[in-house]
Amino acid sequence: MKKKKREYQSSELVKSFARIHGFEGKLVAFEIKDFLEEYLDESLFREIKSVNIEDRCVIIKINSPLLKHDFQLRKSFFLKKFQAQFGEEKFNDLQIL
């Protein structure tokens, strides 16, 4: 069963509320997580513990050591994907924990 998209994220009201209260990064983190859900196999996606953005750095916490290693090897690939999808100005680094 496919999860329903987070349509509320595209709402201008939600975006302006996020901007006022300083959690715009969290909305982008949700969008990155949605992107990863579509990009990865379901079993691999379940290994992703969390996605956050701090100081223009995307931080992805992964439970599986193998998936963590794969993400570290392809770090620049994922960073470029995220920048292309969500805007180059939003982040300049990617950490895999």
PDB file of N, CA and C in Angstrom:
ATOM      1  N   MET A   1       0.839  -1.190   0.000  1.00  0.00           N
ATOM      2  CA  MET A   1       0.000   0.000   0.000  1.00  0.00           C
ATOM      3  C   MET A   1       0.881   1.249   0.000  1.00  0.00           C
ATOM      4  N   LYS A   2       0.626   2.136  -0.917  1.00  0.00           N
ATOM      5  CA  LYS A   2       1.412   3.362  -1.047  1.00  0.00           C
ATOM      6  C   LYS A   2       0.894   4.422  -0.087  1.00  0.00           C
ATOM      7  N   LYS A   3       1.823   5.039   0.643  1.00  0.00           N
ATOM      8  CA  LYS A   3       1.438   6.107   1.569  1.00  0.00           C
ATOM      9  C   LYS A   3       1.002   7.337   0.803  1.00  0.00           C
ATOM     10  N   LYS A   4       0.090   8.076   1.380  1.00  0.00           N
ATOM     11  CA  LYS A   4      -0.388   9.314   0.778  1.00  0.00           C
ATOM     12  C   LYS A   4       0.712  10.373   0.851  1.00  0.00           C
ATOM     13  N   LYS A   5       0.856  11.107  -0.219  1.00  0.00           N
ATOM     14  CA  LYS A   5       1.857  12.176  -0.269  1.00  0.00           C
ATOM     15  C   LYS A   5       1.552  13.252   0.760  1.00  0.00           C
ATOM     16  N   ARG A   6       2.581  13.937   1.154  1.00  0.00           N
ATOM     17  CA  ARG A   6       2.412  15.041   2.101  1.00  0.00           C
ATOM     18  C   ARG A   6       2.027  16.297   1.328  1.00  0.00           C
ATOM     19  N   GLU A   7       0.787  16.377   0.931  1.00  0.00           N
ATOM     20  CA  GLU A   7       0.330  17.487   0.108  1.00  0.00           C
ATOM     21  C   GLU A   7       0.333  18.807   0.869  1.00  0.00           C
ATOM     22  N   TYR A   8       0.250  18.749   2.182  1.00  0.00           N
ATOM     23  CA  TYR A   8       0.217  19.976   2.981  1.00  0.00           C
ATOM     24  C   TYR A   8       1.505  20.771   2.838  1.00  0.00           C
ATOM     25  N   GLN A   9       2.586  20.122   2.426  1.00  0.00           N
ATOM     26  CA  GLN A   9       3.862  20.825   2.333  1.00  0.00           C
ATOM     27  C   GLN A   9       3.848  21.898   1.251  1.00  0.00           C
ATOM     28  N   SER A  10       3.074  21.697   0.196  1.00  0.00           N
ATOM     29  CA  SER A  10       3.072  22.654  -0.895  1.00  0.00           C
ATOM     30  C   SER A  10       2.205  23.869  -0.588  1.00  0.00           C
ATOM     31  N   SER A  11       1.448  23.802   0.471  1.00  0.00           N
ATOM     32  CA  SER A  11       0.572  24.911   0.837  1.00  0.00           C
ATOM     33  C   SER A  11       1.385  26.154   1.198  1.00  0.00           C
ATOM     34  N   GLU A  12       1.031  27.271   0.602  1.00  0.00           N
ATOM     35  CA  GLU A  12       1.720  28.535   0.898  1.00  0.00           C
ATOM     36  C   GLU A  12       1.520  28.944   2.355  1.00  0.00           C
ATOM     37  N   LEU A  13       0.359  28.642   2.900  1.00  0.00           N
ATOM     38  CA  LEU A  13       0.094  28.961   4.298  1.00  0.00           C
ATOM     39  C   LEU A  13       1.065  28.220   5.213  1.00  0.00           C
ATOM     40  N   VAL A  14       1.249  26.934   4.949  1.00  0.00           N
ATOM     41  CA  VAL A  14       2.167  26.131   5.764  1.00  0.00           C
ATOM     42  C   VAL A  14       3.596  26.648   5.601  1.00  0.00           C
ATOM     43  N   LYS A  15       3.978  26.985   4.366  1.00  0.00           N
ATOM     44  CA  LYS A  15       5.333  27.494   4.133  1.00  0.00           C
ATOM     45  C   LYS A  15       5.573  28.812   4.849  1.00  0.00           C
ATOM     46  N   SER A  16       4.587  29.700   4.820  1.00  0.00           N
ATOM     47  CA  SER A  16       4.809  30.976   5.498  1.00  0.00           C
ATOM     48  C   SER A  16       4.786  30.802   7.019  1.00  0.00           C
ATOM     49  N   PHE A  17       3.953  29.899   7.525  1.00  0.00           N
ATOM     50  CA  PHE A  17       3.949  29.590   8.958  1.00  0.00           C
ATOM     51  C   PHE A  17       5.313  29.029   9.371  1.00  0.00           C
ATOM     52  N   ALA A  18       5.862  28.133   8.551  1.00  0.00           N
ATOM     53  CA  ALA A  18       7.176  27.543   8.826  1.00  0.00           C
ATOM     54  C   ALA A  18       8.255  28.615   8.820  1.00  0.00           C
ATOM     55  N   ARG A  19       8.172  29.540   7.877  1.00  0.00           N
ATOM     56  CA  ARG A  19       9.162  30.617   7.787  1.00  0.00           C
ATOM     57  C   ARG A  19       9.105  31.501   9.030  1.00  0.00           C
ATOM     58  N   ILE A  20       7.897  31.842   9.461  1.00  0.00           N
ATOM     59  CA  ILE A  20       7.725  32.697  10.638  1.00  0.00           C
ATOM     60  C   ILE A  20       8.266  32.021  11.894  1.00  0.00           C
ATOM     61  N   HIS A  21       8.001  30.720  12.029  1.00  0.00           N
ATOM     62  CA  HIS A  21       8.382  30.004  13.251  1.00  0.00           C
ATOM     63  C   HIS A  21       9.709  29.256  13.143  1.00  0.00           C
ATOM     64  N   GLY A  22      10.386  29.410  12.000  1.00  0.00           N
ATOM     65  CA  GLY A  22      11.748  28.902  11.867  1.00  0.00           C
ATOM     66  C   GLY A  22      11.903  27.400  11.698  1.00  0.00           C
ATOM     67  N   PHE A  23      10.930  26.726  11.098  1.00  0.00           N
ATOM     68  CA  PHE A  23      11.141  25.299  10.851  1.00  0.00           C
ATOM     69  C   PHE A  23      10.970  24.939   9.380  1.00  0.00           C
ATOM     70  N   GLU A  24      11.405  25.852   8.517  1.00  0.00           N
ATOM     71  CA  GLU A  24      11.394  25.580   7.077  1.00  0.00           C
ATOM     72  C   GLU A  24      12.243  24.353   6.742  1.00  0.00           C
ATOM     73  N   GLY A  25      13.355  24.216   7.441  1.00  0.00           N
ATOM     74  CA  GLY A  25      14.255  23.088   7.211  1.00  0.00           C
ATOM     75  C   GLY A  25      13.572  21.752   7.433  1.00  0.00           C
ATOM     76  N   LYS A  26      12.690  21.700   8.404  1.00  0.00           N
ATOM     77  CA  LYS A  26      11.998  20.448   8.698  1.00  0.00           C
ATOM     78  C   LYS A  26      11.077  20.062   7.540  1.00  0.00           C
ATOM     79  N   LEU A  27      10.430  21.041   6.916  1.00  0.00           N
ATOM     80  CA  LEU A  27       9.590  20.743   5.758  1.00  0.00           C
ATOM     81  C   LEU A  27      10.422  20.190   4.607  1.00  0.00           C
ATOM     82  N   VAL A  28      11.600  20.781   4.381  1.00  0.00           N
ATOM     83  CA  VAL A  28      12.489  20.288   3.327  1.00  0.00           C
ATOM     84  C   VAL A  28      12.982  18.886   3.687  1.00  0.00           C
ATOM     85  N   ALA A  29      13.257  18.641   4.975  1.00  0.00           N
ATOM     86  CA  ALA A  29      13.683  17.307   5.418  1.00  0.00           C
ATOM     87  C   ALA A  29      12.596  16.273   5.120  1.00  0.00           C
ATOM     88  N   PHE A  30      11.334  16.639   5.337  1.00  0.00           N
ATOM     89  CA  PHE A  30      10.229  15.736   4.993  1.00  0.00           C
ATOM     90  C   PHE A  30      10.205  15.456   3.491  1.00  0.00           C
ATOM     91  N   GLU A  31      10.451  16.487   2.690  1.00  0.00           N
ATOM     92  CA  GLU A  31      10.471  16.310   1.238  1.00  0.00           C
ATOM     93  C   GLU A  31      11.621  15.400   0.814  1.00  0.00           C
ATOM     94  N   ILE A  32      12.776  15.538   1.466  1.00  0.00           N
ATOM     95  CA  ILE A  32      13.921  14.667   1.166  1.00  0.00           C
ATOM     96  C   ILE A  32      13.574  13.228   1.527  1.00  0.00           C
ATOM     97  N   LYS A  33      12.928  13.045   2.673  1.00  0.00           N
ATOM     98  CA  LYS A  33      12.543  11.692   3.094  1.00  0.00           C
ATOM     99  C   LYS A  33      11.550  11.085   2.096  1.00  0.00           C
ATOM    100  N   ASP A  34      10.607  11.888   1.617  1.00  0.00           N
ATOM    101  CA  ASP A  34       9.676  11.413   0.584  1.00  0.00           C
ATOM    102  C   ASP A  34      10.423  11.029  -0.690  1.00  0.00           C
ATOM    103  N   PHE A  35      11.412  11.846  -1.065  1.00  0.00           N
ATOM    104  CA  PHE A  35      12.224  11.558  -2.243  1.00  0.00           C
ATOM    105  C   PHE A  35      12.940  10.217  -2.078  1.00  0.00           C
ATOM    106  N   LEU A  36      13.528   9.998  -0.887  1.00  0.00           N
ATOM    107  CA  LEU A  36      14.238   8.745  -0.627  1.00  0.00           C
ATOM    108  C   LEU A  36      13.285   7.554  -0.633  1.00  0.00           C
ATOM    109  N   GLU A  37      12.066   7.765  -0.153  1.00  0.00           N
ATOM    110  CA  GLU A  37      11.083   6.679  -0.143  1.00  0.00           C
ATOM    111  C   GLU A  37      10.770   6.229  -1.567  1.00  0.00           C
ATOM    112  N   GLU A  38      10.695   7.183  -2.491  1.00  0.00           N
ATOM    113  CA  GLU A  38      10.439   6.834  -3.888  1.00  0.00           C
ATOM    114  C   GLU A  38      11.682   6.249  -4.545  1.00  0.00           C
ATOM    115  N   TYR A  39      12.838   6.743  -4.169  1.00  0.00           N
ATOM    116  CA  TYR A  39      14.097   6.352  -4.805  1.00  0.00           C
ATOM    117  C   TYR A  39      14.561   4.960  -4.366  1.00  0.00           C
ATOM    118  N   LEU A  40      14.390   4.647  -3.079  1.00  0.00           N
ATOM    119  CA  LEU A  40      14.909   3.392  -2.524  1.00  0.00           C
ATOM    120  C   LEU A  40      13.854   2.297  -2.507  1.00  0.00           C
ATOM    121  N   ASP A  41      14.319   1.088  -2.453  1.00  0.00           N
ATOM    122  CA  ASP A  41      13.467  -0.065  -2.234  1.00  0.00           C
ATOM    123  C   ASP A  41      12.829   0.058  -0.841  1.00  0.00           C
ATOM    124  N   GLU A  42      11.633  -0.483  -0.660  1.00  0.00           N
ATOM    125  CA  GLU A  42      10.923  -0.339   0.618  1.00  0.00           C
ATOM    126  C   GLU A  42      11.737  -0.867   1.799  1.00  0.00           C
ATOM    127  N   SER A  43      12.404  -2.006   1.636  1.00  0.00           N
ATOM    128  CA  SER A  43      13.179  -2.577   2.746  1.00  0.00           C
ATOM    129  C   SER A  43      14.377  -1.685   3.093  1.00  0.00           C
ATOM    130  N   LEU A  44      14.975  -1.050   2.094  1.00  0.00           N
ATOM    131  CA  LEU A  44      16.087  -0.134   2.362  1.00  0.00           C
ATOM    132  C   LEU A  44      15.588   1.147   3.018  1.00  0.00           C
ATOM    133  N   PHE A  45      14.437   1.639   2.551  1.00  0.00           N
ATOM    134  CA  PHE A  45      13.890   2.866   3.116  1.00  0.00           C
ATOM    135  C   PHE A  45      13.578   2.698   4.603  1.00  0.00           C
ATOM    136  N   ARG A  46      13.151   1.517   5.009  1.00  0.00           N
ATOM    137  CA  ARG A  46      12.835   1.279   6.423  1.00  0.00           C
ATOM    138  C   ARG A  46      14.064   1.405   7.312  1.00  0.00           C
ATOM    139  N   GLU A  47      15.255   1.302   6.736  1.00  0.00           N
ATOM    140  CA  GLU A  47      16.501   1.424   7.502  1.00  0.00           C
ATOM    141  C   GLU A  47      16.861   2.881   7.806  1.00  0.00           C
ATOM    142  N   ILE A  48      16.195   3.818   7.144  1.00  0.00           N
ATOM    143  CA  ILE A  48      16.466   5.235   7.401  1.00  0.00           C
ATOM    144  C   ILE A  48      15.719   5.659   8.654  1.00  0.00           C
ATOM    145  N   LYS A  49      16.486   6.043   9.649  1.00  0.00           N
ATOM    146  CA  LYS A  49      15.924   6.403  10.951  1.00  0.00           C
ATOM    147  C   LYS A  49      15.362   7.821  10.944  1.00  0.00           C
ATOM    148  N   SER A  50      16.127   8.776  10.395  1.00  0.00           N
ATOM    149  CA  SER A  50      15.649  10.158  10.358  1.00  0.00           C
ATOM    150  C   SER A  50      16.400  10.967   9.310  1.00  0.00           C
ATOM    151  N   VAL A  51      15.771  12.069   8.907  1.00  0.00           N
ATOM    152  CA  VAL A  51      16.379  13.036   7.994  1.00  0.00           C
ATOM    153  C   VAL A  51      16.162  14.412   8.612  1.00  0.00           C
ATOM    154  N   ASN A  52      17.237  15.158   8.787  1.00  0.00           N
ATOM    155  CA  ASN A  52      17.153  16.504   9.345  1.00  0.00           C
ATOM    156  C   ASN A  52      18.059  17.435   8.567  1.00  0.00           C
ATOM    157  N   ILE A  53      17.850  18.727   8.766  1.00  0.00           N
ATOM    158  CA  ILE A  53      18.722  19.732   8.165  1.00  0.00           C
ATOM    159  C   ILE A  53      19.160  20.678   9.277  1.00  0.00           C
ATOM    160  N   GLU A  54      20.483  20.811   9.420  1.00  0.00           N
ATOM    161  CA  GLU A  54      21.057  21.713  10.416  1.00  0.00           C
ATOM    162  C   GLU A  54      22.198  22.481   9.765  1.00  0.00           C
ATOM    163  N   ASP A  55      22.161  23.786   9.860  1.00  0.00           N
ATOM    164  CA  ASP A  55      23.219  24.644   9.301  1.00  0.00           C
ATOM    165  C   ASP A  55      23.560  24.279   7.856  1.00  0.00           C
ATOM    166  N   ARG A  56      22.529  24.195   7.031  1.00  0.00           N
ATOM    167  CA  ARG A  56      22.665  23.875   5.596  1.00  0.00           C
ATOM    168  C   ARG A  56      23.315  22.519   5.335  1.00  0.00           C
ATOM    169  N   CYS A  57      23.202  21.611   6.281  1.00  0.00           N
ATOM    170  CA  CYS A  57      23.743  20.256   6.139  1.00  0.00           C
ATOM    171  C   CYS A  57      22.601  19.252   6.307  1.00  0.00           C
ATOM    172  N   VAL A  58      22.440  18.369   5.312  1.00  0.00           N
ATOM    173  CA  VAL A  58      21.442  17.306   5.404  1.00  0.00           C
ATOM    174  C   VAL A  58      22.055  16.193   6.249  1.00  0.00           C
ATOM    175  N   ILE A  59      21.339  15.773   7.292  1.00  0.00           N
ATOM    176  CA  ILE A  59      21.831  14.716   8.172  1.00  0.00           C
ATOM    177  C   ILE A  59      20.865  13.538   8.075  1.00  0.00           C
ATOM    178  N   ILE A  60      21.385  12.419   7.585  1.00  0.00           N
ATOM    179  CA  ILE A  60      20.568  11.220   7.433  1.00  0.00           C
ATOM    180  C   ILE A  60      21.095  10.164   8.390  1.00  0.00           C
ATOM    181  N   LYS A  61      20.221   9.704   9.298  1.00  0.00           N
ATOM    182  CA  LYS A  61      20.598   8.645  10.232  1.00  0.00           C
ATOM    183  C   LYS A  61      20.054   7.327   9.693  1.00  0.00           C
ATOM    184  N   ILE A  62      20.956   6.346   9.578  1.00  0.00           N
ATOM    185  CA  ILE A  62      20.617   5.057   8.970  1.00  0.00           C
ATOM    186  C   ILE A  62      20.977   3.940   9.935  1.00  0.00           C
ATOM    187  N   ASN A  63      20.056   2.991  10.114  1.00  0.00           N
ATOM    188  CA  ASN A  63      20.287   1.863  11.013  1.00  0.00           C
ATOM    189  C   ASN A  63      21.233   0.819  10.417  1.00  0.00           C
ATOM    190  N   SER A  64      21.075   0.493   9.160  1.00  0.00           N
ATOM    191  CA  SER A  64      21.844  -0.570   8.518  1.00  0.00           C
ATOM    192  C   SER A  64      23.270  -0.131   8.193  1.00  0.00           C
ATOM    193  N   PRO A  65      24.275  -0.863   8.683  1.00  0.00           N
ATOM    194  CA  PRO A  65      25.667  -0.520   8.360  1.00  0.00           C
ATOM    195  C   PRO A  65      25.959  -0.599   6.852  1.00  0.00           C
ATOM    196  N   LEU A  66      25.331  -1.561   6.158  1.00  0.00           N
ATOM    197  CA  LEU A  66      25.566  -1.686   4.715  1.00  0.00           C
ATOM    198  C   LEU A  66      24.988  -0.507   3.943  1.00  0.00           C
ATOM    199  N   LEU A  67      23.776  -0.110   4.277  1.00  0.00           N
ATOM    200  CA  LEU A  67      23.165   1.034   3.603  1.00  0.00           C
ATOM    201  C   LEU A  67      23.915   2.319   3.950  1.00  0.00           C
ATOM    202  N   LYS A  68      24.347   2.431   5.193  1.00  0.00           N
ATOM    203  CA  LYS A  68      25.128   3.601   5.630  1.00  0.00           C
ATOM    204  C   LYS A  68      26.405   3.705   4.793  1.00  0.00           C
ATOM    205  N   HIS A  69      27.084   2.589   4.603  1.00  0.00           N
ATOM    206  CA  HIS A  69      28.314   2.567   3.813  1.00  0.00           C
ATOM    207  C   HIS A  69      28.028   2.949   2.355  1.00  0.00           C
ATOM    208  N   ASP A  70      26.930   2.426   1.805  1.00  0.00           N
ATOM    209  CA  ASP A  70      26.545   2.742   0.433  1.00  0.00           C
ATOM    210  C   ASP A  70      26.280   4.244   0.280  1.00  0.00           C
ATOM    211  N   PHE A  71      25.573   4.830   1.228  1.00  0.00           N
ATOM    212  CA  PHE A  71      25.296   6.268   1.185  1.00  0.00           C
ATOM    213  C   PHE A  71      26.595   7.064   1.298  1.00  0.00           C
ATOM    214  N   GLN A  72      27.529   6.613   2.141  1.00  0.00           N
ATOM    215  CA  GLN A  72      28.799   7.327   2.285  1.00  0.00           C
ATOM    216  C   GLN A  72      29.610   7.279   0.992  1.00  0.00           C
ATOM    217  N   LEU A  73      29.563   6.129   0.306  1.00  0.00           N
ATOM    218  CA  LEU A  73      30.274   6.020  -0.966  1.00  0.00           C
ATOM    219  C   LEU A  73      29.661   6.925  -2.030  1.00  0.00           C
ATOM    220  N   ARG A  74      28.345   7.100  -1.970  1.00  0.00           N
ATOM    221  CA  ARG A  74      27.642   7.897  -2.984  1.00  0.00           C
ATOM    222  C   ARG A  74      27.178   9.243  -2.429  1.00  0.00           C
ATOM    223  N   LYS A  75      27.886   9.735  -1.440  1.00  0.00           N
ATOM    224  CA  LYS A  75      27.525  10.985  -0.763  1.00  0.00           C
ATOM    225  C   LYS A  75      27.372  12.149  -1.743  1.00  0.00           C
ATOM    226  N   SER A  76      28.357  12.347  -2.619  1.00  0.00           N
ATOM    227  CA  SER A  76      28.290  13.480  -3.554  1.00  0.00           C
ATOM    228  C   SER A  76      27.142  13.307  -4.542  1.00  0.00           C
ATOM    229  N   PHE A  77      26.856  12.072  -4.937  1.00  0.00           N
ATOM    230  CA  PHE A  77      25.724  11.800  -5.821  1.00  0.00           C
ATOM    231  C   PHE A  77      24.417  12.241  -5.159  1.00  0.00           C
ATOM    232  N   PHE A  78      24.197  11.828  -3.904  1.00  0.00           N
ATOM    233  CA  PHE A  78      22.963  12.185  -3.203  1.00  0.00           C
ATOM    234  C   PHE A  78      22.885  13.691  -2.938  1.00  0.00           C
ATOM    235  N   LEU A  79      23.996  14.300  -2.552  1.00  0.00           N
ATOM    236  CA  LEU A  79      23.997  15.742  -2.301  1.00  0.00           C
ATOM    237  C   LEU A  79      23.605  16.496  -3.565  1.00  0.00           C
ATOM    238  N   LYS A  80      24.180  16.105  -4.710  1.00  0.00           N
ATOM    239  CA  LYS A  80      23.840  16.767  -5.973  1.00  0.00           C
ATOM    240  C   LYS A  80      22.380  16.534  -6.338  1.00  0.00           C
ATOM    241  N   LYS A  81      21.863  15.336  -6.079  1.00  0.00           N
ATOM    242  CA  LYS A  81      20.438  15.042  -6.321  1.00  0.00           C
ATOM    243  C   LYS A  81      19.559  15.958  -5.493  1.00  0.00           C
ATOM    244  N   PHE A  82      19.868  16.073  -4.197  1.00  0.00           N
ATOM    245  CA  PHE A  82      19.070  16.908  -3.293  1.00  0.00           C
ATOM    246  C   PHE A  82      19.139  18.379  -3.709  1.00  0.00           C
ATOM    247  N   GLN A  83      20.340  18.830  -4.073  1.00  0.00           N
ATOM    248  CA  GLN A  83      20.490  20.224  -4.496  1.00  0.00           C
ATOM    249  C   GLN A  83      19.713  20.499  -5.772  1.00  0.00           C
ATOM    250  N   ALA A  84      19.743  19.555  -6.709  1.00  0.00           N
ATOM    251  CA  ALA A  84      19.009  19.729  -7.966  1.00  0.00           C
ATOM    252  C   ALA A  84      17.502  19.729  -7.723  1.00  0.00           C
ATOM    253  N   GLN A  85      17.059  18.872  -6.833  1.00  0.00           N
ATOM    254  CA  GLN A  85      15.629  18.721  -6.564  1.00  0.00           C
ATOM    255  C   GLN A  85      15.069  19.862  -5.713  1.00  0.00           C
ATOM    256  N   PHE A  86      15.810  20.301  -4.701  1.00  0.00           N
ATOM    257  CA  PHE A  86      15.261  21.227  -3.710  1.00  0.00           C
ATOM    258  C   PHE A  86      15.937  22.603  -3.689  1.00  0.00           C
ATOM    259  N   GLY A  87      16.977  22.783  -4.485  1.00  0.00           N
ATOM    260  CA  GLY A  87      17.645  24.081  -4.533  1.00  0.00           C
ATOM    261  C   GLY A  87      19.051  24.014  -3.970  1.00  0.00           C
ATOM    262  N   GLU A  88      19.998  24.443  -4.773  1.00  0.00           N
ATOM    263  CA  GLU A  88      21.410  24.369  -4.396  1.00  0.00           C
ATOM    264  C   GLU A  88      21.737  25.224  -3.178  1.00  0.00           C
ATOM    265  N   GLU A  89      20.980  26.313  -3.007  1.00  0.00           N
ATOM    266  CA  GLU A  89      21.259  27.243  -1.905  1.00  0.00           C
ATOM    267  C   GLU A  89      20.822  26.704  -0.550  1.00  0.00           C
ATOM    268  N   LYS A  90      20.005  25.644  -0.526  1.00  0.00           N
ATOM    269  CA  LYS A  90      19.456  25.161   0.751  1.00  0.00           C
ATOM    270  C   LYS A  90      20.453  24.350   1.570  1.00  0.00           C
ATOM    271  N   PHE A  91      21.356  23.621   0.910  1.00  0.00           N
ATOM    272  CA  PHE A  91      22.350  22.843   1.662  1.00  0.00           C
ATOM    273  C   PHE A  91      23.645  22.727   0.884  1.00  0.00           C
ATOM    274  N   ASN A  92      24.737  22.568   1.648  1.00  0.00           N
ATOM    275  CA  ASN A  92      26.055  22.457   1.020  1.00  0.00           C
ATOM    276  C   ASN A  92      26.814  21.231   1.518  1.00  0.00           C
ATOM    277  N   ASP A  93      26.188  20.409   2.351  1.00  0.00           N
ATOM    278  CA  ASP A  93      26.872  19.205   2.858  1.00  0.00           C
ATOM    279  C   ASP A  93      25.841  18.130   3.195  1.00  0.00           C
ATOM    280  N   LEU A  94      26.328  16.906   3.264  1.00  0.00           N
ATOM    281  CA  LEU A  94      25.500  15.753   3.602  1.00  0.00           C
ATOM    282  C   LEU A  94      26.272  14.893   4.590  1.00  0.00           C
ATOM    283  N   GLN A  95      25.645  14.586   5.719  1.00  0.00           N
ATOM    284  CA  GLN A  95      26.255  13.707   6.711  1.00  0.00           C
ATOM    285  C   GLN A  95      25.433  12.436   6.827  1.00  0.00           C
ATOM    286  N   ILE A  96      26.124  11.314   6.854  1.00  0.00           N
ATOM    287  CA  ILE A  96      25.475  10.024   7.022  1.00  0.00           C
ATOM    288  C   ILE A  96      25.881   9.493   8.395  1.00  0.00           C
ATOM    289  N   LEU A  97      24.923   9.316   9.273  1.00  0.00           N
ATOM    290  CA  LEU A  97      25.212   8.833  10.634  1.00  0.00           C
ATOM    291  C   LEU A  97      24.525   7.507  10.893  1.00  0.00           C
TER     292      LEU A  97
END
